[in-house]
Amino acid sequence: MNPKITLSVLLICLGLALVGCSGAAVQVQAAQPVASKSARSKEFIEIYNCDAQTDLHRSLAEEAQVTSTTTFSTFAAATTTGDSLQLSDELKAVLTAQIESTYQKNVEAATTRVSQVDLLVPVGKIRAYDIFWTQETYSSSVVFEFNDAKYTAAYTYTVNIPDAAVSSEIACTG
């Protein structure tokens, strides 16, 4: 089983146990997210194929992984009274697991694209690649129940996706 899926299931179970004891119901409803895409950064890697007898094929996924993060506002607001609730780490863990499951298809699609990018290095060559990172950001709010009240909390879910381009190639010397 995929380690991220295993971790997500574990966090959900742990979160349900912890939050269930403190009066929170895990009834999460994510609002329609606002998505944006931006170029984030560039990374440089070199791949050597000096001693082999065949071309080297390596997946971009071996060099760079799709990653994601979820961040929340510090406080949630009660939908009826406007009262504030500071989000505990346990509650954030439960909400994070729910948010991650919402965007799981986006992450899986990006991971599939990255794993299909072939970084080819011909025999007797050193090939340099520029890894360009794109960041997809989804901002929205999530509604959940806690101590018989409904709360809304803002969140941002960010997916970092690598892509590669050849920048140079030189012959091996030796």
Protein backbone atom coordinates (compact mmCIF):
# COMPACT_ATOMS: atom_id res chain seq x y z
CA MET A 1 0.00 0.00 0.00
CA ASN A 2 1.18 3.54 -0.74
CA PRO A 3 2.84 5.04 2.39
CA LYS A 4 0.94 8.34 1.96
CA ILE A 5 -2.39 6.52 1.86
CA THR A 6 -1.43 4.47 4.90
CA LEU A 7 -0.42 7.64 6.75
CA SER A 8 -3.67 9.37 5.76
CA VAL A 9 -5.77 6.47 7.01
CA LEU A 10 -3.77 6.38 10.25
CA LEU A 11 -4.21 10.14 10.74
CA ILE A 12 -7.94 9.90 10.13
CA CYS A 13 -8.29 7.08 12.66
CA LEU A 14 -6.09 8.88 15.20
CA GLY A 15 -7.94 12.12 14.59
CA LEU A 16 -11.32 10.47 15.00
CA ALA A 17 -10.20 8.96 18.29
CA LEU A 18 -8.71 12.20 19.63
CA VAL A 19 -11.36 14.56 18.36
CA GLY A 20 -14.20 12.18 19.11
CA CYS A 21 -13.24 12.36 22.76
CA SER A 22 -13.33 16.17 22.76
CA GLY A 23 -16.78 16.50 21.22
CA ALA A 24 -16.03 17.14 17.55
CA ALA A 25 -18.01 15.46 14.82
CA VAL A 26 -16.09 14.77 11.65
CA GLN A 27 -18.62 16.11 9.24
CA VAL A 28 -16.43 18.09 6.91
CA GLN A 29 -17.77 20.06 3.99
CA ALA A 30 -15.20 21.85 1.85
CA ALA A 31 -16.39 24.90 -0.04
CA GLN A 32 -15.61 25.26 -3.77
CA PRO A 33 -11.87 26.03 -3.87
CA VAL A 34 -10.25 28.89 -5.71
CA ALA A 35 -7.29 27.46 -7.64
CA SER A 36 -4.18 29.24 -8.84
CA LYS A 37 -1.03 28.05 -10.56
CA SER A 38 2.40 29.66 -10.45
CA ALA A 39 6.02 28.89 -11.25
CA ARG A 40 7.82 28.43 -7.97
CA SER A 41 11.48 27.63 -8.46
CA LYS A 42 14.13 25.87 -10.50
CA GLU A 43 16.53 23.12 -9.49
CA PHE A 44 19.56 21.77 -11.38
CA ILE A 45 20.59 18.08 -11.53
CA GLU A 46 23.22 16.16 -13.45
CA ILE A 47 22.85 12.52 -14.44
CA TYR A 48 25.93 10.53 -15.45
CA ASN A 49 26.00 7.61 -17.88
CA CYS A 50 29.74 7.25 -18.32
CA ASP A 51 30.43 3.56 -17.61
CA ALA A 52 27.32 1.92 -19.06
CA GLN A 53 26.89 0.18 -22.39
CA THR A 54 23.30 1.33 -22.96
CA ASP A 55 21.33 4.52 -22.75
CA LEU A 56 20.13 5.37 -19.26
CA HIS A 57 16.41 5.95 -18.75
CA ARG A 58 15.31 7.38 -15.44
CA SER A 59 11.88 8.61 -14.45
CA LEU A 60 11.61 12.18 -13.23
CA ALA A 61 9.84 10.73 -10.19
CA GLU A 62 13.18 9.20 -9.14
CA GLU A 63 14.68 12.69 -8.96
CA ALA A 64 11.77 14.82 -7.78
CA GLN A 65 8.52 13.94 -6.02
CA VAL A 66 5.13 15.62 -6.11
CA THR A 67 4.51 17.05 -2.65
CA SER A 68 1.54 18.66 -0.96
CA THR A 69 0.89 20.68 2.18
CA THR A 70 -2.20 21.90 3.97
CA THR A 71 -2.27 25.02 6.12
CA PHE A 72 -5.16 26.36 8.17
CA SER A 73 -6.08 29.64 9.72
CA THR A 74 -5.33 29.76 13.44
CA PHE A 75 -8.99 30.19 14.38
CA ALA A 76 -12.33 28.90 13.14
CA ALA A 77 -15.51 30.96 13.41
CA ALA A 78 -18.85 29.60 14.60
CA THR A 79 -21.30 29.91 11.70
CA THR A 80 -24.20 31.11 13.87
CA THR A 81 -22.59 33.15 16.67
CA GLY A 82 -19.26 34.20 15.18
CA ASP A 83 -17.43 32.91 18.26
CA SER A 84 -13.81 31.94 17.66
CA LEU A 85 -12.30 28.51 18.23
CA GLN A 86 -8.54 28.03 18.20
CA LEU A 87 -7.74 24.99 16.05
CA SER A 88 -5.81 22.38 18.03
CA ASP A 89 -3.16 20.21 16.40
CA GLU A 90 -5.48 17.21 16.75
CA LEU A 91 -8.36 18.97 15.03
CA LYS A 92 -6.03 20.21 12.28
CA ALA A 93 -4.87 16.61 11.74
CA VAL A 94 -8.45 15.42 11.23
CA LEU A 95 -9.29 18.32 8.92
CA THR A 96 -6.02 17.86 7.00
CA ALA A 97 -6.82 14.20 6.32
CA GLN A 98 -10.24 15.20 4.99
CA ILE A 99 -8.81 17.98 2.81
CA GLU A 100 -6.09 15.67 1.44
CA SER A 101 -8.70 13.09 0.46
CA THR A 102 -10.60 15.83 -1.38
CA TYR A 103 -7.56 16.59 -3.56
CA GLN A 104 -6.22 13.03 -3.83
CA LYS A 105 -7.14 12.75 -7.54
CA ASN A 106 -5.20 15.95 -8.33
CA VAL A 107 -2.09 14.60 -6.59
CA GLU A 108 -2.40 11.17 -8.22
CA ALA A 109 -2.76 12.75 -11.69
CA ALA A 110 0.31 14.93 -11.13
CA THR A 111 2.29 11.96 -9.79
CA THR A 112 1.35 9.90 -12.87
CA ARG A 113 2.49 12.72 -15.19
CA VAL A 114 5.81 13.06 -13.34
CA SER A 115 6.47 9.31 -13.38
CA GLN A 116 5.99 9.27 -17.17
CA VAL A 117 8.67 11.89 -17.84
CA ASP A 118 11.74 10.03 -19.11
CA LEU A 119 15.12 11.53 -18.31
CA LEU A 120 17.26 9.99 -21.05
CA VAL A 121 21.05 10.05 -20.84
CA PRO A 122 22.88 8.57 -23.85
CA VAL A 123 25.87 6.24 -23.41
CA GLY A 124 29.06 8.12 -22.59
CA LYS A 125 27.27 11.36 -21.72
CA ILE A 126 26.48 13.56 -18.78
CA ARG A 127 23.17 15.31 -19.15
CA ALA A 128 22.13 18.29 -17.07
CA TYR A 129 18.45 18.90 -16.43
CA ASP A 130 16.66 21.91 -15.07
CA ILE A 131 13.79 20.85 -12.84
CA PHE A 132 11.07 23.50 -12.88
CA TRP A 133 8.61 23.43 -10.00
CA THR A 134 5.03 24.53 -10.47
CA GLN A 135 2.83 25.23 -7.50
CA GLU A 136 -0.92 24.64 -7.62
CA THR A 137 -2.69 26.37 -4.75
CA TYR A 138 -6.28 25.73 -3.71
CA SER A 139 -7.80 28.10 -1.17
CA SER A 140 -11.18 27.57 0.42
CA SER A 141 -12.90 26.99 3.72
CA VAL A 142 -14.08 23.90 5.52
CA VAL A 143 -17.18 23.53 7.72
CA PHE A 144 -17.07 21.12 10.65
CA GLU A 145 -18.96 20.44 13.88
CA PHE A 146 -17.38 20.82 17.29
CA ASN A 147 -19.24 20.72 20.65
CA ASP A 148 -22.63 20.89 18.90
CA ALA A 149 -21.72 24.03 16.93
CA LYS A 150 -20.75 24.45 13.29
CA TYR A 151 -17.49 26.22 12.54
CA THR A 152 -15.81 27.48 9.39
CA ALA A 153 -12.03 27.56 8.95
CA ALA A 154 -10.01 28.82 6.01
CA TYR A 155 -7.38 26.54 4.49
CA THR A 156 -4.84 26.47 1.69
CA TYR A 157 -3.84 23.22 -0.01
CA THR A 158 -0.65 23.42 -2.06
CA VAL A 159 0.67 20.86 -4.57
CA ASN A 160 4.27 21.19 -5.83
CA ILE A 161 4.83 19.53 -9.22
CA PRO A 162 8.19 19.06 -10.95
CA ASP A 163 8.87 19.16 -14.70
CA ALA A 164 12.22 18.75 -16.43
CA ALA A 165 14.03 20.19 -19.44
CA VAL A 166 17.51 19.40 -20.79
CA SER A 167 19.86 22.30 -20.20
CA SER A 168 23.12 20.79 -21.46
CA GLU A 169 24.93 17.61 -22.42
CA ILE A 170 28.63 16.84 -22.37
CA ALA A 171 30.76 13.80 -23.16
CA CYS A 172 32.29 11.81 -20.33
CA THR A 173 36.08 12.10 -20.10
CA GLY A 174 38.25 9.72 -18.43
